[in-house]
C-alpha atoms as a PDB file:
ATOM      1  CA  MET A   1     -32.258  -4.474  -0.557  1.00  0.00           C
ATOM      2  CA  LEU A   2     -29.498  -3.791   2.006  1.00  0.00           C
ATOM      3  CA  ARG A   3     -27.165  -6.221   0.179  1.00  0.00           C
ATOM      4  CA  THR A   4     -27.741  -4.440  -3.042  1.00  0.00           C
ATOM      5  CA  LEU A   5     -26.921  -1.091  -1.463  1.00  0.00           C
ATOM      6  CA  ARG A   6     -23.800  -2.450   0.130  1.00  0.00           C
ATOM      7  CA  ARG A   7     -22.626  -3.865  -3.223  1.00  0.00           C
ATOM      8  CA  ALA A   8     -23.154  -0.488  -4.840  1.00  0.00           C
ATOM      9  CA  LEU A   9     -21.051   1.256  -2.193  1.00  0.00           C
ATOM     10  CA  ARG A  10     -18.172  -1.214  -2.435  1.00  0.00           C
ATOM     11  CA  PRO A  11     -15.277   0.012  -4.582  1.00  0.00           C
ATOM     12  CA  PRO A  12     -14.508  -2.129  -7.610  1.00  0.00           C
ATOM     13  CA  ARG A  13     -11.890  -4.798  -7.196  1.00  0.00           C
ATOM     14  CA  LEU A  14      -8.704  -5.003  -9.226  1.00  0.00           C
ATOM     15  CA  ARG A  15      -8.155  -8.591 -10.319  1.00  0.00           C
ATOM     16  CA  ILE A  16      -4.693  -9.873 -11.183  1.00  0.00           C
ATOM     17  CA  PRO A  17      -4.720 -13.194 -13.068  1.00  0.00           C
ATOM     18  CA  ALA A  18      -2.566 -15.726 -11.259  1.00  0.00           C
ATOM     19  CA  ARG A  19       0.167 -17.356 -13.239  1.00  0.00           C
ATOM     20  CA  ARG A  20       3.047 -19.671 -12.406  1.00  0.00           C
ATOM     21  CA  PHE A  21       6.080 -17.613 -11.431  1.00  0.00           C
ATOM     22  CA  SER A  22       8.794 -18.416 -13.938  1.00  0.00           C
ATOM     23  CA  ALA A  23      11.212 -16.549 -16.140  1.00  0.00           C
ATOM     24  CA  GLY A  24       9.801 -14.513 -18.922  1.00  0.00           C
ATOM     25  CA  ILE A  25       6.111 -14.542 -17.890  1.00  0.00           C
ATOM     26  CA  ALA A  26       5.702 -10.964 -16.761  1.00  0.00           C
ATOM     27  CA  ALA A  27       5.705  -8.283 -19.423  1.00  0.00           C
ATOM     28  CA  LEU A  28       8.545  -5.967 -18.549  1.00  0.00           C
ATOM     29  CA  PRO A  29       7.905  -2.251 -18.680  1.00  0.00           C
ATOM     30  CA  PRO A  30      10.010  -0.044 -20.981  1.00  0.00           C
ATOM     31  CA  THR A  31      13.431   1.112 -19.865  1.00  0.00           C
ATOM     32  CA  ALA A  32      13.992   4.692 -18.736  1.00  0.00           C
ATOM     33  CA  HIS A  33      15.412   5.627 -22.078  1.00  0.00           C
ATOM     34  CA  GLU A  34      12.247   4.391 -23.843  1.00  0.00           C
ATOM     35  CA  ALA A  35       9.837   5.783 -21.247  1.00  0.00           C
ATOM     36  CA  PHE A  36      11.257   9.319 -21.104  1.00  0.00           C
ATOM     37  CA  ALA A  37      11.655   9.478 -24.880  1.00  0.00           C
ATOM     38  CA  THR A  38      14.024  12.374 -24.415  1.00  0.00           C
ATOM     39  CA  ASP A  39      17.722  12.619 -23.898  1.00  0.00           C
ATOM     40  CA  ASP A  40      17.466  15.270 -21.247  1.00  0.00           C
ATOM     41  CA  ALA A  41      16.431  12.932 -18.380  1.00  0.00           C
ATOM     42  CA  SER A  42      18.943  13.127 -15.553  1.00  0.00           C
ATOM     43  CA  ALA A  43      20.918  10.121 -14.513  1.00  0.00           C
ATOM     44  CA  ALA A  44      19.177  10.167 -11.061  1.00  0.00           C
ATOM     45  CA  ALA A  45      15.755  10.170 -12.694  1.00  0.00           C
ATOM     46  CA  ALA A  46      16.701   7.261 -14.933  1.00  0.00           C
ATOM     47  CA  ILE A  47      18.107   5.260 -11.995  1.00  0.00           C
ATOM     48  CA  ALA A  48      14.961   5.904  -9.933  1.00  0.00           C
ATOM     49  CA  TYR A  49      12.710   4.938 -12.854  1.00  0.00           C
ATOM     50  CA  ASN A  50      14.629   1.715 -13.536  1.00  0.00           C
ATOM     51  CA  ARG A  51      14.588   0.720  -9.857  1.00  0.00           C
ATOM     52  CA  SER A  52      10.843   1.323  -9.767  1.00  0.00           C
ATOM     53  CA  ARG A  53      10.162  -0.721 -12.906  1.00  0.00           C
ATOM     54  CA  VAL A  54      12.169  -3.680 -11.550  1.00  0.00           C
ATOM     55  CA  ALA A  55      10.509  -3.438  -8.154  1.00  0.00           C
ATOM     56  CA  THR A  56       6.950  -3.142  -9.482  1.00  0.00           C
ATOM     57  CA  ALA A  57       7.245  -5.977 -11.983  1.00  0.00           C
ATOM     58  CA  THR A  58       8.874  -8.228  -9.394  1.00  0.00           C
ATOM     59  CA  ALA A  59       6.373  -7.414  -6.680  1.00  0.00           C
ATOM     60  CA  ILE A  60       3.426  -8.150  -9.028  1.00  0.00           C
ATOM     61  CA  ALA A  61       5.034 -11.485 -10.050  1.00  0.00           C
ATOM     62  CA  LEU A  62       5.595 -12.423  -6.371  1.00  0.00           C
ATOM     63  CA  TYR A  63       2.066 -11.396  -5.438  1.00  0.00           C
ATOM     64  CA  ARG A  64       0.560 -13.384  -8.301  1.00  0.00           C
ATOM     65  CA  SER A  65       2.537 -16.383  -7.102  1.00  0.00           C
ATOM     66  CA  GLY A  66       1.288 -16.135  -3.538  1.00  0.00           C
ATOM     67  CA  TYR A  67       4.436 -14.804  -1.889  1.00  0.00           C
ATOM     68  CA  THR A  68       4.043 -12.486   1.122  1.00  0.00           C
ATOM     69  CA  LEU A  69       6.356 -10.577   3.376  1.00  0.00           C
ATOM     70  CA  PRO A  70       8.788 -11.158   5.004  1.00  0.00           C
ATOM     71  CA  LEU A  71      11.103 -12.275   2.206  1.00  0.00           C
ATOM     72  CA  ARG A  72      14.861 -12.720   2.440  1.00  0.00           C
ATOM     73  CA  ASP A  73      17.264 -10.748   0.209  1.00  0.00           C
ATOM     74  CA  THR A  74      18.192 -13.968  -1.565  1.00  0.00           C
ATOM     75  CA  ASP A  75      14.507 -14.637  -2.363  1.00  0.00           C
ATOM     76  CA  LEU A  76      14.178 -11.160  -3.885  1.00  0.00           C
ATOM     77  CA  ASP A  77      17.436 -11.625  -5.867  1.00  0.00           C
ATOM     78  CA  GLU A  78      16.160 -14.955  -7.266  1.00  0.00           C
ATOM     79  CA  ALA A  79      12.841 -13.347  -8.231  1.00  0.00           C
ATOM     80  CA  VAL A  80      14.576 -10.543 -10.143  1.00  0.00           C
ATOM     81  CA  HIS A  81      16.751 -13.110 -11.943  1.00  0.00           C
ATOM     82  CA  ALA A  82      13.722 -15.237 -12.788  1.00  0.00           C
ATOM     83  CA  LEU A  83      12.185 -12.215 -14.594  1.00  0.00           C
ATOM     84  CA  ASP A  84      15.331 -11.876 -16.723  1.00  0.00           C
ATOM     85  CA  PHE A  85      16.224  -8.342 -15.608  1.00  0.00           C
ATOM     86  CA  PRO A  86      19.713  -7.618 -16.810  1.00  0.00           C
ATOM     87  CA  TYR A  87      21.210  -6.968 -13.342  1.00  0.00           C
ATOM     88  CA  SER A  88      23.387  -9.468 -11.577  1.00  0.00           C
ATOM     89  CA  VAL A  89      22.432  -8.325  -8.061  1.00  0.00           C
ATOM     90  CA  PRO A  90      19.590  -5.940  -7.183  1.00  0.00           C
ATOM     91  CA  SER A  91      20.611  -3.025  -5.044  1.00  0.00           C
ATOM     92  CA  THR A  92      19.447  -2.508  -1.472  1.00  0.00           C
ATOM     93  CA  GLU A  93      17.160   0.268  -2.661  1.00  0.00           C
ATOM     94  CA  THR A  94      15.602  -2.004  -5.275  1.00  0.00           C
ATOM     95  CA  ARG A  95      14.955  -4.685  -2.678  1.00  0.00           C
ATOM     96  CA  ALA A  96      13.374  -2.181  -0.398  1.00  0.00           C
ATOM     97  CA  ALA A  97      11.174  -0.924  -3.242  1.00  0.00           C
ATOM     98  CA  ILE A  98      10.102  -4.534  -4.025  1.00  0.00           C
ATOM     99  CA  ARG A  99       9.141  -5.068  -0.375  1.00  0.00           C
ATOM    100  CA  ALA A 100       7.174  -1.744  -0.341  1.00  0.00           C
ATOM    101  CA  ALA A 101       5.289  -2.557  -3.539  1.00  0.00           C
ATOM    102  CA  LEU A 102       4.469  -6.029  -2.288  1.00  0.00           C
ATOM    103  CA  ALA A 103       3.242  -4.617   1.001  1.00  0.00           C
ATOM    104  CA  VAL A 104       0.963  -2.156  -0.841  1.00  0.00           C
ATOM    105  CA  LEU A 105      -0.482  -4.991  -2.975  1.00  0.00           C
ATOM    106  CA  ASP A 106      -1.009  -7.122   0.073  1.00  0.00           C
ATOM    107  CA  ALA A 107      -2.611  -4.320   2.144  1.00  0.00           C
ATOM    108  CA  ASP A 108      -5.086  -3.170  -0.545  1.00  0.00           C
ATOM    109  CA  TYR A 109      -8.219  -5.239  -0.112  1.00  0.00           C
ATOM    110  CA  THR A 110      -9.405  -4.343  -3.595  1.00  0.00           C
ATOM    111  CA  VAL A 111      -6.525  -6.177  -5.248  1.00  0.00           C
ATOM    112  CA  THR A 112      -7.177  -9.940  -5.509  1.00  0.00           C
ATOM    113  CA  VAL A 113      -5.534 -12.776  -7.414  1.00  0.00           C
ATOM    114  CA  THR A 114      -7.933 -14.830  -9.538  1.00  0.00           C
ATOM    115  CA  ARG A 115      -7.118 -18.402 -10.341  1.00  0.00           C
END
């Protein structure tokens, strides 16, 4: 009975299917231009959105592949390139956002990778 009650009180888990980390696997989110669907988005908002989309997609791909912090800048650069993002070198801000997103995924006990 106690086990049943504990299960009922546990929050549901978010499961992320594990896949081999290679180019083209992750579905990339829309660009800022597509997401805002308006021409009145400021340049700063578009830059922030695009950094976030790169960081989130990269962090999820790294998390699925079993990577954890700390990661070197070159590791993050290679991960971004493997996902075919059209940037030659991610910015310092993008790398920081990748690390933050990866830390959140790693810290949240309700997020698990299924194999």
